[in-house]
Amino acid sequence: MSTTFTVQFSRAQLTALRGLLETPAVQDAAKAGLLAAALRGRDLVVRETGKQRKVDTGRFRTSWKAERTRDGAVLLNSAPYAAVIEGGRRAGARMPPLGPIEAWARRKGIDADPWAIARAISRRGIPGVFILRDAIPKVQKFVNAEVRREVLRVLAPYSGGGGTP
């Protein structure tokens, strides 16, 4: 069962609250929460990459990064072929480069013409695995939890309780 309360504030009180929320300390806390969420998201997508068995050399899995930005944080994969693994490759697209296909075939012990493999990829496409897309709802929960935790930590002295929320 939930209960709804309505609280009325004067315009001056709302202005003071807005001013408090727009302070550099609260803004920095929100950004710290975003970075913490991105780091948790990175751990999640690294695990999911292993579960999806999208590991050949390990470069794709180790290329997941969570980085601070001016406005918060970003979760990304810096592998040059990350977009193809994530979103796939549509049928009918031009042929992929032969060099990476040759190296992959050598590692896998496949004795096939790389040109034939590239042509088949071009003709049939490659399905995406959507690791990041599928992780976004979980990462959103991390964002909510981490930003809330960091902002409440900064606002604790103003709450009257003085403790950690």
Protein backbone atom coordinates (compact mmCIF):
# COMPACT_ATOMS: atom_id res chain seq x y z
CA MET A 1 0.00 0.00 0.00
CA SER A 2 1.33 3.43 -0.84
CA THR A 3 0.41 6.79 0.56
CA THR A 4 0.73 10.08 -1.22
CA PHE A 5 1.52 13.29 0.60
CA THR A 6 1.29 16.76 -0.83
CA VAL A 7 3.72 19.33 0.48
CA GLN A 8 3.43 22.98 -0.40
CA PHE A 9 6.41 25.27 -0.54
CA SER A 10 6.51 28.99 -0.93
CA ARG A 11 8.16 30.42 -4.01
CA ALA A 12 11.10 31.55 -1.84
CA GLN A 13 11.51 28.04 -0.43
CA LEU A 14 11.46 26.53 -3.91
CA THR A 15 14.02 29.05 -5.11
CA ALA A 16 16.27 28.20 -2.15
CA LEU A 17 15.88 24.46 -2.84
CA ARG A 18 16.68 24.95 -6.52
CA GLY A 19 19.70 27.01 -5.55
CA LEU A 20 20.88 24.23 -3.25
CA LEU A 21 20.46 21.58 -5.94
CA GLU A 22 22.37 23.68 -8.44
CA THR A 23 25.43 24.13 -6.21
CA PRO A 24 28.75 22.82 -7.51
CA ALA A 25 28.89 20.30 -4.64
CA VAL A 26 25.58 18.71 -5.64
CA GLN A 27 26.49 18.84 -9.34
CA ASP A 28 29.82 17.14 -8.60
CA ALA A 29 28.07 14.53 -6.46
CA ALA A 30 25.67 13.75 -9.31
CA LYS A 31 28.62 13.37 -11.70
CA ALA A 32 30.39 11.08 -9.20
CA GLY A 33 27.22 9.00 -9.06
CA LEU A 34 27.14 8.79 -12.85
CA LEU A 35 30.74 7.60 -12.93
CA ALA A 36 30.03 5.00 -10.23
CA ALA A 37 27.06 3.77 -12.26
CA ALA A 38 29.17 3.61 -15.43
CA LEU A 39 31.81 1.57 -13.58
CA ARG A 40 29.15 -0.87 -12.37
CA GLY A 41 27.78 -0.97 -15.91
CA ARG A 42 31.24 -1.76 -17.26
CA ASP A 43 31.52 -4.72 -14.91
CA LEU A 44 28.09 -5.89 -16.06
CA VAL A 45 28.88 -5.73 -19.79
CA VAL A 46 32.26 -7.40 -19.29
CA ARG A 47 30.49 -10.32 -17.59
CA GLU A 48 27.83 -10.40 -20.29
CA THR A 49 30.47 -10.39 -23.02
CA GLY A 50 31.93 -13.55 -21.48
CA LYS A 51 28.48 -15.15 -21.21
CA GLN A 52 27.75 -14.36 -24.87
CA ARG A 53 31.06 -16.02 -25.75
CA LYS A 54 32.06 -13.00 -27.80
CA VAL A 55 35.68 -13.54 -26.94
CA ASP A 56 38.34 -14.49 -29.46
CA THR A 57 41.48 -12.59 -28.50
CA GLY A 58 39.87 -10.93 -25.48
CA ARG A 59 40.29 -7.45 -26.95
CA PHE A 60 36.54 -6.77 -27.19
CA ARG A 61 35.97 -7.76 -23.57
CA THR A 62 38.91 -5.72 -22.28
CA SER A 63 37.93 -2.70 -24.36
CA TRP A 64 34.87 -1.88 -22.23
CA LYS A 65 35.56 1.45 -20.51
CA ALA A 66 33.80 3.76 -18.09
CA GLU A 67 35.18 7.26 -18.33
CA ARG A 68 34.48 10.58 -16.65
CA THR A 69 33.27 13.31 -18.99
CA ARG A 70 32.65 17.00 -18.46
CA ASP A 71 28.92 16.34 -18.00
CA GLY A 72 29.11 13.02 -16.13
CA ALA A 73 30.33 9.71 -17.48
CA VAL A 74 30.22 7.42 -20.49
CA LEU A 75 30.24 3.64 -20.90
CA LEU A 76 31.82 2.54 -24.18
CA ASN A 77 33.77 -0.12 -25.99
CA SER A 78 36.88 1.17 -27.75
CA ALA A 79 37.57 -1.93 -29.87
CA PRO A 80 37.54 -0.90 -33.55
CA TYR A 81 35.00 -3.61 -34.40
CA ALA A 82 32.75 -3.10 -31.35
CA ALA A 83 29.93 -1.58 -33.40
CA VAL A 84 29.81 -4.65 -35.64
CA ILE A 85 29.68 -7.04 -32.69
CA GLU A 86 27.03 -4.93 -30.93
CA GLY A 87 24.76 -4.09 -33.85
CA GLY A 88 25.73 -6.69 -36.42
CA ARG A 89 26.33 -6.15 -40.10
CA ARG A 90 23.47 -6.00 -42.56
CA ALA A 91 23.28 -8.38 -45.48
CA GLY A 92 24.35 -6.75 -48.72
CA ALA A 93 26.90 -4.41 -47.15
CA ARG A 94 30.33 -4.17 -48.71
CA MET A 95 32.87 -6.84 -47.86
CA PRO A 96 34.75 -6.53 -44.57
CA PRO A 97 38.54 -6.11 -44.63
CA LEU A 98 40.50 -9.30 -45.36
CA GLY A 99 43.34 -8.77 -42.85
CA PRO A 100 41.29 -9.35 -39.68
CA ILE A 101 39.52 -12.31 -41.31
CA GLU A 102 42.86 -13.91 -42.22
CA ALA A 103 44.14 -13.46 -38.66
CA TRP A 104 40.89 -14.87 -37.20
CA ALA A 105 41.01 -17.93 -39.51
CA ARG A 106 44.65 -18.58 -38.51
CA ARG A 107 43.79 -18.39 -34.78
CA LYS A 108 40.85 -20.75 -35.26
CA GLY A 109 42.80 -23.14 -37.48
CA ILE A 110 40.38 -22.62 -40.35
CA ASP A 111 41.86 -23.42 -43.74
CA ALA A 112 39.58 -21.35 -45.94
CA ASP A 113 39.99 -18.53 -48.40
CA PRO A 114 39.56 -15.25 -46.45
CA TRP A 115 38.06 -13.68 -49.56
CA ALA A 116 35.30 -16.33 -49.59
CA ILE A 117 34.58 -15.72 -45.89
CA ALA A 118 34.44 -11.94 -46.45
CA ARG A 119 32.11 -12.43 -49.42
CA ALA A 120 29.82 -14.67 -47.37
CA ILE A 121 29.73 -12.07 -44.57
CA SER A 122 28.90 -9.41 -47.14
CA ARG A 123 26.10 -11.51 -48.62
CA ARG A 124 24.57 -12.88 -45.38
CA GLY A 125 25.47 -10.22 -42.84
CA ILE A 126 26.24 -10.89 -39.18
CA PRO A 127 23.62 -10.76 -36.42
CA GLY A 128 24.28 -8.33 -33.58
CA VAL A 129 24.56 -9.49 -29.98
CA PHE A 130 23.30 -6.21 -28.42
CA ILE A 131 25.28 -6.52 -25.20
CA LEU A 132 25.15 -2.80 -24.43
CA ARG A 133 21.56 -2.33 -25.60
CA ASP A 134 20.35 -5.15 -23.35
CA ALA A 135 22.36 -3.85 -20.39
CA ILE A 136 20.90 -0.32 -20.52
CA PRO A 137 17.83 -1.05 -18.31
CA LYS A 138 20.09 -2.53 -15.63
CA VAL A 139 22.56 0.34 -15.92
CA GLN A 140 19.68 2.81 -15.54
CA LYS A 141 18.95 1.27 -12.13
CA PHE A 142 22.61 1.76 -11.23
CA VAL A 143 22.37 5.41 -12.30
CA ASN A 144 19.33 6.03 -10.13
CA ALA A 145 20.88 4.33 -7.10
CA GLU A 146 24.38 5.81 -7.42
CA VAL A 147 23.33 9.39 -8.18
CA ARG A 148 20.80 9.30 -5.35
CA ARG A 149 23.40 7.95 -2.91
CA GLU A 150 25.99 10.59 -3.82
CA VAL A 151 23.57 13.54 -3.84
CA LEU A 152 21.98 12.51 -0.53
CA ARG A 153 25.44 12.24 0.99
CA VAL A 154 26.09 15.88 0.07
CA LEU A 155 22.63 17.00 1.21
CA ALA A 156 22.76 15.12 4.54
CA PRO A 157 23.87 18.19 6.55
CA TYR A 158 20.77 20.05 5.29
CA SER A 159 18.32 17.28 6.21
CA GLY A 160 18.34 17.93 9.93
CA GLY A 161 19.19 14.32 10.73
CA GLY A 162 22.87 14.76 10.07
CA GLY A 163 23.38 11.07 9.34
CA THR A 164 24.04 9.19 6.16
CA PRO A 165 20.80 8.39 4.28
